[in-house]
């Protein structure tokens, strides 16, 4: 049985110094440049934090019980017109 890998072609622009470093690294390792780029991007994506919704973790309330009282805090904020 033959397994085919599906890839999406993309184009990236590199600074000349980075392109040279990639070319030299690929030659030294005997691997294609594309393989090195894929490997680096896979590693980066697996370690990167997923984007958070705007405002999450941005403000300090000084309270440690916010999650357990979220509904009543939001209700109070709406009542005081501090929430849209």
Protein backbone atom coordinates (compact mmCIF):
# COMPACT_ATOMS: atom_id res chain seq x y z
CA UNK A 1 0.00 0.00 0.00
CA UNK A 2 1.34 3.44 -0.97
CA UNK A 3 0.74 6.37 1.37
CA UNK A 4 0.61 9.85 -0.13
CA UNK A 5 1.34 12.95 1.90
CA UNK A 6 -0.87 15.92 1.06
CA UNK A 7 0.96 19.24 1.12
CA UNK A 8 -0.06 22.81 0.47
CA UNK A 9 2.44 24.90 -1.44
CA UNK A 10 3.26 28.32 -0.04
CA UNK A 11 5.84 31.01 -0.65
CA UNK A 12 7.87 32.75 2.03
CA UNK A 13 10.31 35.63 1.77
CA UNK A 14 13.54 35.39 3.76
CA UNK A 15 16.29 37.86 4.47
CA UNK A 16 19.41 36.95 2.47
CA UNK A 17 21.27 35.97 5.65
CA UNK A 18 18.48 33.62 6.75
CA UNK A 19 18.21 32.12 3.28
CA UNK A 20 21.95 31.45 3.24
CA UNK A 21 21.85 29.90 6.72
CA UNK A 22 18.94 27.66 5.66
CA UNK A 23 20.76 26.60 2.49
CA UNK A 24 23.93 25.77 4.43
CA UNK A 25 22.02 23.87 7.11
CA UNK A 26 20.16 21.85 4.49
CA UNK A 27 23.42 20.98 2.74
CA UNK A 28 25.14 20.02 5.99
CA UNK A 29 22.27 17.75 7.01
CA UNK A 30 21.62 16.40 3.52
CA UNK A 31 17.97 17.38 3.76
CA UNK A 32 15.74 19.60 1.60
CA UNK A 33 15.25 23.18 2.73
CA UNK A 34 11.47 22.67 2.64
CA UNK A 35 11.76 19.80 5.12
CA UNK A 36 13.73 21.98 7.55
CA UNK A 37 11.19 24.80 7.25
CA UNK A 38 8.26 22.40 7.80
CA UNK A 39 9.98 20.90 10.84
CA UNK A 40 10.70 24.33 12.34
CA UNK A 41 7.14 25.54 11.75
CA UNK A 42 5.64 22.35 13.21
CA UNK A 43 7.76 22.78 16.34
CA UNK A 44 6.87 26.47 16.63
CA UNK A 45 3.15 25.81 16.17
CA UNK A 46 3.10 23.03 18.75
CA UNK A 47 4.84 25.20 21.37
CA UNK A 48 3.02 28.48 20.65
CA UNK A 49 0.16 29.52 22.90
CA UNK A 50 -3.22 29.58 21.16
CA UNK A 51 -4.59 33.10 20.74
CA UNK A 52 -6.76 34.27 23.62
CA UNK A 53 -9.94 36.28 23.24
CA UNK A 54 -9.39 40.03 23.60
CA UNK A 55 -9.25 41.15 27.19
CA UNK A 56 -8.68 37.69 28.70
CA UNK A 57 -5.82 37.92 31.19
CA UNK A 58 -5.31 41.56 30.35
CA UNK A 59 -6.79 43.10 33.44
CA UNK A 60 -6.17 42.49 37.12
CA UNK A 61 -9.25 42.60 39.33
CA UNK A 62 -7.39 41.85 42.52
CA UNK A 63 -9.91 39.06 43.19
CA UNK A 64 -9.19 35.35 43.26
CA UNK A 65 -12.86 34.26 43.07
CA UNK A 66 -13.86 35.77 39.72
CA UNK A 67 -14.57 32.48 37.92
CA UNK A 68 -16.85 31.20 40.68
CA UNK A 69 -18.82 34.47 40.75
CA UNK A 70 -18.68 35.40 37.06
CA UNK A 71 -22.45 35.63 36.48
CA UNK A 72 -23.15 37.86 39.43
CA UNK A 73 -20.11 40.06 38.66
CA UNK A 74 -21.24 40.49 35.04
CA UNK A 75 -24.81 41.21 36.15
CA UNK A 76 -23.56 43.87 38.57
CA UNK A 77 -21.30 45.39 35.90
CA UNK A 78 -24.21 45.54 33.43
CA UNK A 79 -26.46 47.10 36.06
CA UNK A 80 -23.80 49.73 36.83
CA UNK A 81 -23.34 50.27 33.06
CA UNK A 82 -19.73 49.10 33.20
CA UNK A 83 -20.49 46.41 30.62
CA UNK A 84 -22.07 46.90 27.18
